[in-house]
Each structure stands twice: as C-alpha cells, then as structure tokens.
Amino acid sequence: MQTQVKAWGNSQGVRISKEVLQAASISIDDTLEIKVSDGIIMLVKPFRHKTLEERAAEYGGKLSLDGEYDWGEPLGKEVW
C-alpha cells in the first residue's frame, strides 16, 4: 500500500486506511509511539496494562475475589 504525505495545517500527515488499522489492532484515538531508525518510520502501539474494570468486563463484569485458594504445599523456606 502506498500513501502520500500531505499538508495538515502547519504540519504534515499521512492517512492510513481502515483495513490497515484493523490489521494492526489500532483504533481511533489510540496513542502510538513514533520511532525512526535508519530512515524507517515506525508507528508502535505501546503496551498498556489493563485496568481492573477492563479485566472484569472480559468475565461479564463478575470477578470472584472472595474465597480461599489452594496454592499447594510450601516450597523452600515458605511458611504458611
């Protein structure tokens, strides 16, 4: 795919097609890091930890935070 650099106010910009953004899992208003190496411009979506609310949404908004868990027998110098 090719695109052109165009004037955008006092800056320059390029348009990226919807298909390319979808393939890269990039949405409107996402933050991207711009890196330049040996004349190559790279747009990188930075890693971001999910919030508790985002994690809960993956489970239908219900997290089982109560109760006890069996972590197995102690190893090494662990004391339970």
N, C-alpha and C. Protein backbone atom coordinates (compact mmCIF):
# COMPACT_ATOMS: atom_id res chain seq x y z
N MET A 1 0.84 -1.17 0.00
CA MET A 1 0.00 0.00 0.00
C MET A 1 0.89 1.24 0.00
N GLN A 2 0.50 2.22 -0.75
CA GLN A 2 1.22 3.48 -0.77
C GLN A 2 0.29 4.60 -0.35
N THR A 3 0.87 5.64 0.21
CA THR A 3 0.11 6.84 0.58
C THR A 3 1.02 8.04 0.38
N GLN A 4 0.48 9.22 0.42
CA GLN A 4 1.26 10.43 0.22
C GLN A 4 1.28 11.26 1.50
N VAL A 5 2.38 11.98 1.67
CA VAL A 5 2.47 12.95 2.75
C VAL A 5 1.76 14.21 2.28
N LYS A 6 0.83 14.70 3.09
CA LYS A 6 0.05 15.88 2.72
C LYS A 6 0.17 16.95 3.80
N ALA A 7 -0.07 18.19 3.41
CA ALA A 7 -0.09 19.28 4.37
C ALA A 7 -1.32 19.13 5.26
N TRP A 8 -1.15 19.39 6.55
CA TRP A 8 -2.24 19.32 7.52
C TRP A 8 -2.03 20.48 8.48
N GLY A 9 -2.63 21.62 8.17
CA GLY A 9 -2.36 22.83 8.94
C GLY A 9 -0.92 23.24 8.73
N ASN A 10 -0.18 23.47 9.82
CA ASN A 10 1.23 23.81 9.74
C ASN A 10 2.12 22.57 9.79
N SER A 11 1.53 21.38 9.78
CA SER A 11 2.28 20.13 9.86
C SER A 11 2.05 19.31 8.59
N GLN A 12 2.53 18.09 8.61
CA GLN A 12 2.29 17.16 7.52
C GLN A 12 1.71 15.89 8.11
N GLY A 13 0.98 15.15 7.28
CA GLY A 13 0.37 13.93 7.78
C GLY A 13 0.16 12.92 6.68
N VAL A 14 -0.11 11.69 7.08
CA VAL A 14 -0.46 10.63 6.14
C VAL A 14 -1.76 10.01 6.61
N ARG A 15 -2.55 9.51 5.68
CA ARG A 15 -3.78 8.80 6.02
C ARG A 15 -3.51 7.31 5.96
N ILE A 16 -4.05 6.60 6.94
CA ILE A 16 -3.89 5.16 6.99
C ILE A 16 -5.27 4.54 6.84
N SER A 17 -5.40 3.58 5.95
CA SER A 17 -6.71 3.01 5.67
C SER A 17 -7.26 2.24 6.87
N LYS A 18 -8.57 2.13 6.91
CA LYS A 18 -9.26 1.41 7.98
C LYS A 18 -8.79 -0.04 8.05
N GLU A 19 -8.58 -0.66 6.91
CA GLU A 19 -8.15 -2.05 6.86
C GLU A 19 -6.78 -2.24 7.50
N VAL A 20 -5.87 -1.32 7.23
CA VAL A 20 -4.52 -1.40 7.82
C VAL A 20 -4.60 -1.22 9.33
N LEU A 21 -5.39 -0.25 9.79
CA LEU A 21 -5.54 -0.03 11.22
C LEU A 21 -6.16 -1.24 11.91
N GLN A 22 -7.16 -1.85 11.28
CA GLN A 22 -7.77 -3.05 11.86
C GLN A 22 -6.78 -4.19 11.93
N ALA A 23 -5.97 -4.37 10.90
CA ALA A 23 -4.97 -5.44 10.89
C ALA A 23 -3.93 -5.24 11.99
N ALA A 24 -3.68 -3.99 12.37
CA ALA A 24 -2.70 -3.67 13.42
C ALA A 24 -3.37 -3.51 14.79
N SER A 25 -4.68 -3.74 14.87
CA SER A 25 -5.45 -3.58 16.12
C SER A 25 -5.30 -2.17 16.69
N ILE A 26 -5.39 -1.18 15.81
CA ILE A 26 -5.30 0.22 16.21
C ILE A 26 -6.66 0.86 15.98
N SER A 27 -7.15 1.58 16.99
CA SER A 27 -8.44 2.25 16.92
C SER A 27 -8.24 3.76 16.92
N ILE A 28 -9.29 4.47 16.56
CA ILE A 28 -9.26 5.93 16.60
C ILE A 28 -8.97 6.37 18.03
N ASP A 29 -8.13 7.37 18.18
CA ASP A 29 -7.71 7.96 19.46
C ASP A 29 -6.72 7.10 20.23
N ASP A 30 -6.26 5.95 19.68
CA ASP A 30 -5.18 5.21 20.33
C ASP A 30 -3.92 6.05 20.31
N THR A 31 -3.08 5.87 21.31
CA THR A 31 -1.79 6.55 21.36
C THR A 31 -0.74 5.64 20.72
N LEU A 32 0.08 6.22 19.85
CA LEU A 32 1.15 5.48 19.20
C LEU A 32 2.48 6.14 19.47
N GLU A 33 3.53 5.33 19.60
CA GLU A 33 4.89 5.85 19.70
C GLU A 33 5.45 5.92 18.29
N ILE A 34 6.19 6.98 18.01
CA ILE A 34 6.83 7.12 16.70
C ILE A 34 8.31 6.89 16.90
N LYS A 35 8.85 5.92 16.15
CA LYS A 35 10.27 5.61 16.22
C LYS A 35 10.86 5.74 14.83
N VAL A 36 12.08 6.25 14.76
CA VAL A 36 12.77 6.39 13.49
C VAL A 36 14.11 5.68 13.60
N SER A 37 14.40 4.80 12.64
CA SER A 37 15.65 4.05 12.64
C SER A 37 16.10 3.85 11.19
N ASP A 38 17.26 4.34 10.87
CA ASP A 38 17.82 4.19 9.52
C ASP A 38 16.84 4.63 8.43
N GLY A 39 16.17 5.75 8.64
CA GLY A 39 15.26 6.29 7.64
C GLY A 39 13.91 5.61 7.58
N ILE A 40 13.65 4.70 8.52
CA ILE A 40 12.36 4.00 8.57
C ILE A 40 11.54 4.56 9.71
N ILE A 41 10.31 4.98 9.42
CA ILE A 41 9.40 5.49 10.44
C ILE A 41 8.50 4.34 10.88
N MET A 42 8.46 4.10 12.18
CA MET A 42 7.64 3.02 12.73
C MET A 42 6.62 3.61 13.70
N LEU A 43 5.37 3.22 13.55
CA LEU A 43 4.32 3.58 14.49
C LEU A 43 4.08 2.35 15.36
N VAL A 44 4.28 2.49 16.67
CA VAL A 44 4.21 1.35 17.58
C VAL A 44 3.16 1.62 18.64
N LYS A 45 2.25 0.68 18.81
CA LYS A 45 1.25 0.78 19.87
C LYS A 45 1.92 0.31 21.17
N PRO A 46 2.07 1.21 22.15
CA PRO A 46 2.77 0.82 23.37
C PRO A 46 1.96 -0.16 24.21
N PHE A 47 2.67 -1.01 24.96
CA PHE A 47 2.00 -1.95 25.84
C PHE A 47 1.35 -1.20 26.99
N ARG A 48 0.14 -1.58 27.34
CA ARG A 48 -0.56 -0.95 28.46
C ARG A 48 -1.27 -2.05 29.23
N HIS A 49 -1.04 -2.04 30.54
CA HIS A 49 -1.74 -3.00 31.39
C HIS A 49 -3.22 -2.66 31.41
N LYS A 50 -4.06 -3.68 31.49
CA LYS A 50 -5.50 -3.48 31.56
C LYS A 50 -5.88 -3.04 32.97
N THR A 51 -6.92 -2.21 33.05
CA THR A 51 -7.44 -1.80 34.34
C THR A 51 -8.28 -2.94 34.91
N LEU A 52 -8.59 -2.87 36.19
CA LEU A 52 -9.42 -3.89 36.82
C LEU A 52 -10.78 -3.94 36.13
N GLU A 53 -11.32 -2.79 35.76
CA GLU A 53 -12.61 -2.74 35.09
C GLU A 53 -12.55 -3.45 33.74
N GLU A 54 -11.46 -3.25 32.99
CA GLU A 54 -11.31 -3.91 31.70
C GLU A 54 -11.20 -5.43 31.87
N ARG A 55 -10.48 -5.85 32.90
CA ARG A 55 -10.35 -7.28 33.16
C ARG A 55 -11.70 -7.88 33.57
N ALA A 56 -12.46 -7.17 34.40
CA ALA A 56 -13.76 -7.66 34.84
C ALA A 56 -14.71 -7.77 33.65
N ALA A 57 -14.63 -6.83 32.71
CA ALA A 57 -15.50 -6.84 31.54
C ALA A 57 -15.29 -8.11 30.71
N GLU A 58 -14.08 -8.65 30.71
CA GLU A 58 -13.79 -9.88 29.98
C GLU A 58 -14.54 -11.08 30.57
N TYR A 59 -14.95 -10.96 31.82
CA TYR A 59 -15.67 -12.04 32.50
C TYR A 59 -17.11 -11.64 32.79
N GLY A 60 -17.67 -10.83 31.92
CA GLY A 60 -19.06 -10.41 32.09
C GLY A 60 -19.25 -9.48 33.27
N GLY A 61 -18.21 -8.81 33.70
CA GLY A 61 -18.30 -7.87 34.82
C GLY A 61 -18.29 -8.53 36.18
N LYS A 62 -18.04 -9.83 36.23
CA LYS A 62 -18.07 -10.54 37.50
C LYS A 62 -16.71 -11.17 37.79
N LEU A 63 -16.10 -10.73 38.87
CA LEU A 63 -14.85 -11.33 39.31
C LEU A 63 -15.09 -12.05 40.63
N SER A 64 -14.56 -13.22 40.76
CA SER A 64 -14.67 -13.97 42.02
C SER A 64 -13.45 -13.67 42.87
N LEU A 65 -13.56 -12.65 43.70
CA LEU A 65 -12.43 -12.24 44.52
C LEU A 65 -12.53 -12.77 45.95
N ASP A 66 -13.62 -13.43 46.27
CA ASP A 66 -13.78 -13.94 47.62
C ASP A 66 -13.43 -15.43 47.64
N GLY A 67 -13.21 -15.95 48.81
CA GLY A 67 -12.89 -17.36 48.93
C GLY A 67 -11.41 -17.59 49.12
N GLU A 68 -11.07 -18.82 49.37
CA GLU A 68 -9.68 -19.19 49.57
C GLU A 68 -9.18 -19.99 48.38
N TYR A 69 -7.89 -19.95 48.19
CA TYR A 69 -7.27 -20.66 47.09
C TYR A 69 -6.22 -21.61 47.65
N ASP A 70 -6.12 -22.79 47.07
CA ASP A 70 -5.11 -23.75 47.47
C ASP A 70 -3.91 -23.57 46.56
N TRP A 71 -2.82 -23.06 47.12
CA TRP A 71 -1.61 -22.82 46.36
C TRP A 71 -0.65 -24.01 46.44
N GLY A 72 -1.06 -25.09 47.08
CA GLY A 72 -0.21 -26.26 47.18
C GLY A 72 0.66 -26.21 48.43
N GLU A 73 1.51 -27.17 48.53
CA GLU A 73 2.41 -27.27 49.68
C GLU A 73 3.52 -26.22 49.59
N PRO A 74 4.02 -25.76 50.76
CA PRO A 74 5.13 -24.80 50.76
C PRO A 74 6.37 -25.38 50.09
N LEU A 75 7.10 -24.52 49.41
CA LEU A 75 8.36 -24.90 48.77
C LEU A 75 9.50 -24.10 49.37
N GLY A 76 10.64 -24.72 49.56
CA GLY A 76 11.79 -24.00 50.10
C GLY A 76 11.54 -23.53 51.51
N LYS A 77 11.76 -22.22 51.76
CA LYS A 77 11.62 -21.66 53.11
C LYS A 77 10.29 -20.96 53.33
N GLU A 78 9.30 -21.26 52.45
CA GLU A 78 7.98 -20.64 52.61
C GLU A 78 7.31 -21.18 53.87
N VAL A 79 6.59 -20.29 54.53
CA VAL A 79 5.83 -20.68 55.71
C VAL A 79 4.38 -20.27 55.48
N TRP A 80 3.45 -21.20 55.71
CA TRP A 80 2.03 -20.91 55.55
C TRP A 80 1.38 -20.85 56.89
